[in-house]
Amino acid sequence: MDDEASRVSSVVEQILGWMHRKLRQNNADPLKDFNI
C-alpha cells in the first residue's frame, strides 16, 4: 500500500510539473481556457 501511494504521488508531481511548464510556455491567462 505504501508503494502504491508513493507511485501515485510521483505521477501527481509529474502532472503538476507538466502543467506548470505548459502555463509558463504559453505565458497566457490560464482562466481563458475556462471561458469565465
PDB file of N, CA and C in Angstrom:
ATOM      1  N   MET A   1       0.843  -1.205   0.000  1.00  0.00           N
ATOM      2  CA  MET A   1       0.000   0.000   0.000  1.00  0.00           C
ATOM      3  C   MET A   1       0.872   1.247   0.000  1.00  0.00           C
ATOM      4  N   ASP A   2       1.926   1.207   0.785  1.00  0.00           N
ATOM      5  CA  ASP A   2       2.825   2.367   0.822  1.00  0.00           C
ATOM      6  C   ASP A   2       3.467   2.570  -0.548  1.00  0.00           C
ATOM      7  N   ASP A   3       3.768   1.461  -1.229  1.00  0.00           N
ATOM      8  CA  ASP A   3       4.398   1.543  -2.542  1.00  0.00           C
ATOM      9  C   ASP A   3       3.460   2.228  -3.534  1.00  0.00           C
ATOM     10  N   GLU A   4       2.185   1.878  -3.471  1.00  0.00           N
ATOM     11  CA  GLU A   4       1.226   2.480  -4.400  1.00  0.00           C
ATOM     12  C   GLU A   4       1.070   3.970  -4.118  1.00  0.00           C
ATOM     13  N   ALA A   5       1.073   4.354  -2.852  1.00  0.00           N
ATOM     14  CA  ALA A   5       0.926   5.769  -2.500  1.00  0.00           C
ATOM     15  C   ALA A   5       2.084   6.578  -3.072  1.00  0.00           C
ATOM     16  N   SER A   6       3.289   6.043  -2.977  1.00  0.00           N
ATOM     17  CA  SER A   6       4.444   6.791  -3.491  1.00  0.00           C
ATOM     18  C   SER A   6       4.382   6.855  -5.013  1.00  0.00           C
ATOM     19  N   ARG A   7       3.839   5.800  -5.644  1.00  0.00           N
ATOM     20  CA  ARG A   7       3.735   5.802  -7.104  1.00  0.00           C
ATOM     21  C   ARG A   7       2.717   6.864  -7.536  1.00  0.00           C
ATOM     22  N   VAL A   8       1.606   6.952  -6.818  1.00  0.00           N
ATOM     23  CA  VAL A   8       0.572   7.938  -7.164  1.00  0.00           C
ATOM     24  C   VAL A   8       1.114   9.350  -6.983  1.00  0.00           C
ATOM     25  N   SER A   9       1.817   9.587  -5.878  1.00  0.00           N
ATOM     26  CA  SER A   9       2.329  10.939  -5.635  1.00  0.00           C
ATOM     27  C   SER A   9       3.364  11.298  -6.694  1.00  0.00           C
ATOM     28  N   SER A  10       4.090  10.307  -7.187  1.00  0.00           N
ATOM     29  CA  SER A  10       5.079  10.574  -8.232  1.00  0.00           C
ATOM     30  C   SER A  10       4.372  11.002  -9.516  1.00  0.00           C
ATOM     31  N   VAL A  11       3.270  10.334  -9.842  1.00  0.00           N
ATOM     32  CA  VAL A  11       2.517  10.688 -11.051  1.00  0.00           C
ATOM     33  C   VAL A  11       1.928  12.087 -10.908  1.00  0.00           C
ATOM     34  N   VAL A  12       1.417  12.396  -9.723  1.00  0.00           N
ATOM     35  CA  VAL A  12       0.827  13.722  -9.489  1.00  0.00           C
ATOM     36  C   VAL A  12       1.890  14.801  -9.667  1.00  0.00           C
ATOM     37  N   GLU A  13       3.082  14.539  -9.154  1.00  0.00           N
ATOM     38  CA  GLU A  13       4.163  15.530  -9.298  1.00  0.00           C
ATOM     39  C   GLU A  13       4.505  15.737 -10.765  1.00  0.00           C
ATOM     40  N   GLN A  14       4.507  14.655 -11.549  1.00  0.00           N
ATOM     41  CA  GLN A  14       4.819  14.778 -12.972  1.00  0.00           C
ATOM     42  C   GLN A  14       3.761  15.618 -13.675  1.00  0.00           C
ATOM     43  N   ILE A  15       2.489  15.371 -13.331  1.00  0.00           N
ATOM     44  CA  ILE A  15       1.405  16.118 -13.978  1.00  0.00           C
ATOM     45  C   ILE A  15       1.475  17.593 -13.603  1.00  0.00           C
ATOM     46  N   LEU A  16       1.703  17.875 -12.319  1.00  0.00           N
ATOM     47  CA  LEU A  16       1.792  19.275 -11.885  1.00  0.00           C
ATOM     48  C   LEU A  16       2.963  19.962 -12.576  1.00  0.00           C
ATOM     49  N   GLY A  17       4.085  19.267 -12.687  1.00  0.00           N
ATOM     50  CA  GLY A  17       5.248  19.849 -13.342  1.00  0.00           C
ATOM     51  C   GLY A  17       4.962  20.140 -14.808  1.00  0.00           C
ATOM     52  N   TRP A  18       4.233  19.208 -15.467  1.00  0.00           N
ATOM     53  CA  TRP A  18       3.909  19.405 -16.877  1.00  0.00           C
ATOM     54  C   TRP A  18       2.979  20.604 -17.051  1.00  0.00           C
ATOM     55  N   MET A  19       1.964  20.699 -16.183  1.00  0.00           N
ATOM     56  CA  MET A  19       1.041  21.831 -16.268  1.00  0.00           C
ATOM     57  C   MET A  19       1.784  23.141 -16.044  1.00  0.00           C
ATOM     58  N   HIS A  20       2.701  23.150 -15.063  1.00  0.00           N
ATOM     59  CA  HIS A  20       3.453  24.367 -14.752  1.00  0.00           C
ATOM     60  C   HIS A  20       4.287  24.802 -15.953  1.00  0.00           C
ATOM     61  N   ARG A  21       4.970  23.834 -16.595  1.00  0.00           N
ATOM     62  CA  ARG A  21       5.786  24.164 -17.773  1.00  0.00           C
ATOM     63  C   ARG A  21       4.904  24.678 -18.902  1.00  0.00           C
ATOM     64  N   LYS A  22       3.750  24.039 -19.107  1.00  0.00           N
ATOM     65  CA  LYS A  22       2.886  24.428 -20.218  1.00  0.00           C
ATOM     66  C   LYS A  22       2.362  25.850 -20.007  1.00  0.00           C
ATOM     67  N   LEU A  23       1.961  26.171 -18.767  1.00  0.00           N
ATOM     68  CA  LEU A  23       1.459  27.521 -18.499  1.00  0.00           C
ATOM     69  C   LEU A  23       2.559  28.548 -18.722  1.00  0.00           C
ATOM     70  N   ARG A  24       3.782  28.223 -18.307  1.00  0.00           N
ATOM     71  CA  ARG A  24       4.880  29.184 -18.481  1.00  0.00           C
ATOM     72  C   ARG A  24       5.218  29.341 -19.955  1.00  0.00           C
ATOM     73  N   GLN A  25       5.115  28.253 -20.732  1.00  0.00           N
ATOM     74  CA  GLN A  25       5.408  28.335 -22.165  1.00  0.00           C
ATOM     75  C   GLN A  25       4.385  29.239 -22.847  1.00  0.00           C
ATOM     76  N   ASN A  26       3.115  29.015 -22.533  1.00  0.00           N
ATOM     77  CA  ASN A  26       2.059  29.797 -23.172  1.00  0.00           C
ATOM     78  C   ASN A  26       2.101  31.241 -22.695  1.00  0.00           C
ATOM     79  N   ASN A  27       2.502  31.433 -21.432  1.00  0.00           N
ATOM     80  CA  ASN A  27       2.572  32.781 -20.856  1.00  0.00           C
ATOM     81  C   ASN A  27       1.252  33.513 -21.080  1.00  0.00           C
ATOM     82  N   ALA A  28       0.148  32.768 -20.911  1.00  0.00           N
ATOM     83  CA  ALA A  28      -1.179  33.350 -21.123  1.00  0.00           C
ATOM     84  C   ALA A  28      -2.003  33.200 -19.855  1.00  0.00           C
ATOM     85  N   ASP A  29      -3.142  33.854 -19.841  1.00  0.00           N
ATOM     86  CA  ASP A  29      -4.022  33.767 -18.666  1.00  0.00           C
ATOM     87  C   ASP A  29      -4.680  32.387 -18.639  1.00  0.00           C
ATOM     88  N   PRO A  30      -4.386  31.563 -17.646  1.00  0.00           N
ATOM     89  CA  PRO A  30      -4.951  30.207 -17.622  1.00  0.00           C
ATOM     90  C   PRO A  30      -6.474  30.213 -17.536  1.00  0.00           C
ATOM     91  N   LEU A  31      -7.062  31.284 -17.020  1.00  0.00           N
ATOM     92  CA  LEU A  31      -8.521  31.320 -16.900  1.00  0.00           C
ATOM     93  C   LEU A  31      -9.187  31.400 -18.270  1.00  0.00           C
ATOM     94  N   LYS A  32      -8.446  31.800 -19.302  1.00  0.00           N
ATOM     95  CA  LYS A  32      -9.034  31.888 -20.637  1.00  0.00           C
ATOM     96  C   LYS A  32      -9.525  30.522 -21.099  1.00  0.00           C
ATOM     97  N   ASP A  33      -8.836  29.463 -20.654  1.00  0.00           N
ATOM     98  CA  ASP A  33      -9.222  28.118 -21.081  1.00  0.00           C
ATOM     99  C   ASP A  33     -10.595  27.731 -20.543  1.00  0.00           C
ATOM    100  N   PHE A  34     -11.025  28.385 -19.450  1.00  0.00           N
ATOM    101  CA  PHE A  34     -12.295  28.002 -18.832  1.00  0.00           C
ATOM    102  C   PHE A  34     -13.454  28.886 -19.303  1.00  0.00           C
ATOM    103  N   ASN A  35     -13.154  29.878 -20.152  1.00  0.00           N
ATOM    104  CA  ASN A  35     -14.208  30.746 -20.691  1.00  0.00           C
ATOM    105  C   ASN A  35     -15.041  31.373 -19.586  1.00  0.00           C
ATOM    106  N   ILE A  36     -14.379  31.923 -18.586  1.00  0.00           N
ATOM    107  CA  ILE A  36     -15.117  32.565 -17.489  1.00  0.00           C
ATOM    108  C   ILE A  36     -15.495  33.988 -17.904  1.00  0.00           C
TER     109      ILE A  36
END
